[in-house]
């Protein structure tokens, strides 16, 4: 069986493209700094966190994350 994980590189690129920092995302979305830190490590977060980010950035889920295989 192939091993895969979620990658949030698209989220960080989107922030760069929009001239935003992680702190800006925290303020805009209401997501905790701890959740943003988890995303930075490609860790697991709730779908509620992802939804808040998508709403704050006015984007779709596939614009902030993707599945990458080893």
N, C-alpha and C. Protein backbone atom coordinates (compact mmCIF):
# COMPACT_ATOMS: atom_id res chain seq x y z
N UNK A 1 0.84 -1.19 0.00
CA UNK A 1 0.00 0.00 0.00
C UNK A 1 0.88 1.25 0.00
N UNK A 2 0.53 2.21 -0.84
CA UNK A 2 1.28 3.46 -0.92
C UNK A 2 1.04 4.29 0.33
N UNK A 3 2.07 5.02 0.73
CA UNK A 3 1.94 5.92 1.87
C UNK A 3 1.75 7.34 1.34
N UNK A 4 0.82 8.06 1.91
CA UNK A 4 0.53 9.42 1.47
C UNK A 4 0.23 10.30 2.68
N UNK A 5 0.35 11.58 2.48
CA UNK A 5 0.02 12.54 3.52
C UNK A 5 -0.48 13.83 2.89
N UNK A 6 -1.09 14.66 3.71
CA UNK A 6 -1.52 15.97 3.24
C UNK A 6 -0.35 16.93 3.27
N UNK A 7 -0.31 17.80 2.29
CA UNK A 7 0.71 18.86 2.25
C UNK A 7 -0.03 20.19 2.18
N UNK A 8 0.47 21.16 2.95
CA UNK A 8 -0.14 22.49 2.97
C UNK A 8 0.77 23.52 2.30
N UNK A 9 1.69 23.07 1.45
CA UNK A 9 2.58 24.00 0.74
C UNK A 9 1.79 25.01 -0.08
N UNK A 10 0.66 24.56 -0.63
CA UNK A 10 -0.18 25.47 -1.42
C UNK A 10 -0.68 26.64 -0.57
N UNK A 11 -0.99 26.36 0.69
CA UNK A 11 -1.46 27.42 1.60
C UNK A 11 -0.37 28.46 1.80
N UNK A 12 0.86 28.00 2.07
CA UNK A 12 1.95 28.94 2.32
C UNK A 12 2.27 29.76 1.06
N UNK A 13 2.18 29.13 -0.10
CA UNK A 13 2.42 29.86 -1.36
C UNK A 13 1.32 30.90 -1.58
N UNK A 14 0.08 30.52 -1.28
CA UNK A 14 -1.04 31.45 -1.42
C UNK A 14 -0.85 32.68 -0.52
N UNK A 15 -0.40 32.45 0.71
CA UNK A 15 -0.14 33.57 1.62
C UNK A 15 0.95 34.47 1.06
N UNK A 16 2.03 33.88 0.55
CA UNK A 16 3.12 34.66 -0.05
C UNK A 16 2.60 35.48 -1.22
N UNK A 17 1.83 34.82 -2.10
CA UNK A 17 1.29 35.51 -3.27
C UNK A 17 0.40 36.69 -2.89
N UNK A 18 -0.25 36.59 -1.75
CA UNK A 18 -1.15 37.66 -1.30
C UNK A 18 -0.46 38.64 -0.35
N UNK A 19 0.83 38.43 -0.11
CA UNK A 19 1.58 39.33 0.77
C UNK A 19 1.16 39.21 2.22
N UNK A 20 0.75 38.02 2.63
CA UNK A 20 0.27 37.81 4.00
C UNK A 20 1.26 36.97 4.79
N UNK A 21 1.23 37.14 6.10
CA UNK A 21 2.02 36.33 7.01
C UNK A 21 1.07 35.40 7.78
N UNK A 22 1.64 34.41 8.45
CA UNK A 22 0.82 33.49 9.25
C UNK A 22 0.00 34.26 10.28
N UNK A 23 0.60 35.30 10.85
CA UNK A 23 -0.11 36.12 11.84
C UNK A 23 -1.36 36.75 11.23
N UNK A 24 -1.26 37.18 9.98
CA UNK A 24 -2.42 37.76 9.29
C UNK A 24 -3.52 36.72 9.13
N UNK A 25 -3.12 35.49 8.80
CA UNK A 25 -4.09 34.42 8.62
C UNK A 25 -4.79 34.10 9.93
N UNK A 26 -4.06 34.10 11.02
CA UNK A 26 -4.63 33.85 12.35
C UNK A 26 -5.69 34.90 12.66
N UNK A 27 -5.36 36.17 12.43
CA UNK A 27 -6.29 37.26 12.73
C UNK A 27 -7.52 37.22 11.82
N UNK A 28 -7.30 36.96 10.54
CA UNK A 28 -8.38 36.97 9.56
C UNK A 28 -9.34 35.80 9.72
N UNK A 29 -8.79 34.62 10.05
CA UNK A 29 -9.59 33.40 10.09
C UNK A 29 -10.11 33.03 11.48
N UNK A 30 -9.46 33.52 12.53
CA UNK A 30 -9.84 33.13 13.88
C UNK A 30 -9.31 31.76 14.27
N UNK A 31 -8.41 31.21 13.46
CA UNK A 31 -7.79 29.92 13.76
C UNK A 31 -6.66 30.15 14.75
N UNK A 32 -6.47 29.22 15.67
CA UNK A 32 -5.44 29.39 16.69
C UNK A 32 -4.03 29.27 16.12
N UNK A 33 -3.09 29.88 16.80
CA UNK A 33 -1.68 29.78 16.41
C UNK A 33 -1.22 28.33 16.46
N UNK A 34 -1.76 27.56 17.40
CA UNK A 34 -1.39 26.14 17.52
C UNK A 34 -1.82 25.36 16.28
N UNK A 35 -3.00 25.66 15.76
CA UNK A 35 -3.47 24.98 14.54
C UNK A 35 -2.62 25.36 13.33
N UNK A 36 -2.24 26.63 13.25
CA UNK A 36 -1.38 27.07 12.14
C UNK A 36 -0.02 26.38 12.25
N UNK A 37 0.48 26.22 13.46
CA UNK A 37 1.75 25.52 13.67
C UNK A 37 1.64 24.07 13.22
N UNK A 38 0.51 23.42 13.51
CA UNK A 38 0.29 22.04 13.06
C UNK A 38 0.32 21.97 11.53
N UNK A 39 -0.32 22.94 10.89
CA UNK A 39 -0.31 22.97 9.42
C UNK A 39 1.12 23.12 8.89
N UNK A 40 1.92 23.87 9.61
CA UNK A 40 3.31 24.06 9.22
C UNK A 40 4.13 22.78 9.26
N UNK A 41 3.66 21.82 10.06
CA UNK A 41 4.32 20.52 10.16
C UNK A 41 3.56 19.44 9.38
N UNK A 42 2.60 19.88 8.53
CA UNK A 42 1.72 18.97 7.81
C UNK A 42 0.98 18.03 8.75
N UNK A 43 0.66 18.54 9.94
CA UNK A 43 -0.06 17.76 10.93
C UNK A 43 -1.55 17.73 10.67
N UNK A 44 -2.26 16.98 11.48
CA UNK A 44 -3.71 16.86 11.34
C UNK A 44 -4.42 18.00 12.05
N UNK A 45 -5.36 18.59 11.34
CA UNK A 45 -6.24 19.62 11.92
C UNK A 45 -7.67 19.24 11.55
N UNK A 46 -8.62 19.85 12.22
CA UNK A 46 -10.01 19.54 11.95
C UNK A 46 -10.47 20.18 10.63
N UNK A 47 -11.54 19.64 10.09
CA UNK A 47 -12.11 20.23 8.88
C UNK A 47 -12.65 21.63 9.17
N UNK A 48 -13.03 21.88 10.42
CA UNK A 48 -13.49 23.21 10.80
C UNK A 48 -12.39 24.25 10.61
N UNK A 49 -11.16 23.89 10.97
CA UNK A 49 -10.01 24.78 10.79
C UNK A 49 -9.81 25.07 9.30
N UNK A 50 -9.86 24.02 8.49
CA UNK A 50 -9.68 24.19 7.05
C UNK A 50 -10.78 25.06 6.45
N UNK A 51 -12.02 24.86 6.93
CA UNK A 51 -13.15 25.66 6.45
C UNK A 51 -12.96 27.13 6.79
N UNK A 52 -12.54 27.43 8.01
CA UNK A 52 -12.30 28.82 8.42
C UNK A 52 -11.25 29.47 7.54
N UNK A 53 -10.19 28.73 7.22
CA UNK A 53 -9.13 29.27 6.36
C UNK A 53 -9.66 29.54 4.96
N UNK A 54 -10.42 28.59 4.42
CA UNK A 54 -10.98 28.77 3.08
C UNK A 54 -11.92 29.98 3.02
N UNK A 55 -12.75 30.14 4.04
CA UNK A 55 -13.66 31.29 4.08
C UNK A 55 -12.86 32.59 4.18
N UNK A 56 -11.86 32.62 5.06
CA UNK A 56 -11.06 33.83 5.25
C UNK A 56 -10.30 34.22 3.99
N UNK A 57 -9.81 33.23 3.26
CA UNK A 57 -9.02 33.50 2.05
C UNK A 57 -9.87 33.48 0.78
N UNK A 58 -11.18 33.21 0.94
CA UNK A 58 -12.09 33.13 -0.20
C UNK A 58 -11.53 32.19 -1.27
N UNK A 59 -11.25 30.96 -0.85
CA UNK A 59 -10.68 29.98 -1.77
C UNK A 59 -11.29 28.60 -1.54
N UNK A 60 -10.96 27.68 -2.44
CA UNK A 60 -11.42 26.30 -2.33
C UNK A 60 -10.36 25.47 -1.60
N UNK A 61 -10.77 24.34 -1.07
CA UNK A 61 -9.87 23.48 -0.28
C UNK A 61 -8.65 23.03 -1.09
N UNK A 62 -8.85 22.76 -2.38
CA UNK A 62 -7.72 22.30 -3.20
C UNK A 62 -6.71 23.40 -3.48
N UNK A 63 -7.03 24.63 -3.11
CA UNK A 63 -6.08 25.74 -3.27
C UNK A 63 -5.14 25.86 -2.07
N UNK A 64 -5.44 25.14 -0.98
CA UNK A 64 -4.59 25.25 0.21
C UNK A 64 -3.95 23.93 0.63
N UNK A 65 -4.42 22.82 0.05
CA UNK A 65 -3.85 21.53 0.44
C UNK A 65 -3.87 20.55 -0.71
N UNK A 66 -3.03 19.52 -0.61
CA UNK A 66 -3.02 18.46 -1.59
C UNK A 66 -2.51 17.18 -0.94
N UNK A 67 -2.75 16.06 -1.58
CA UNK A 67 -2.26 14.78 -1.11
C UNK A 67 -0.96 14.47 -1.86
N UNK A 68 0.08 14.15 -1.10
CA UNK A 68 1.36 13.79 -1.72
C UNK A 68 1.72 12.37 -1.28
N UNK A 69 2.18 11.60 -2.24
CA UNK A 69 2.58 10.22 -1.98
C UNK A 69 4.08 10.13 -1.81
N UNK A 70 4.52 9.19 -0.98
CA UNK A 70 5.95 8.96 -0.79
C UNK A 70 6.52 8.26 -2.01
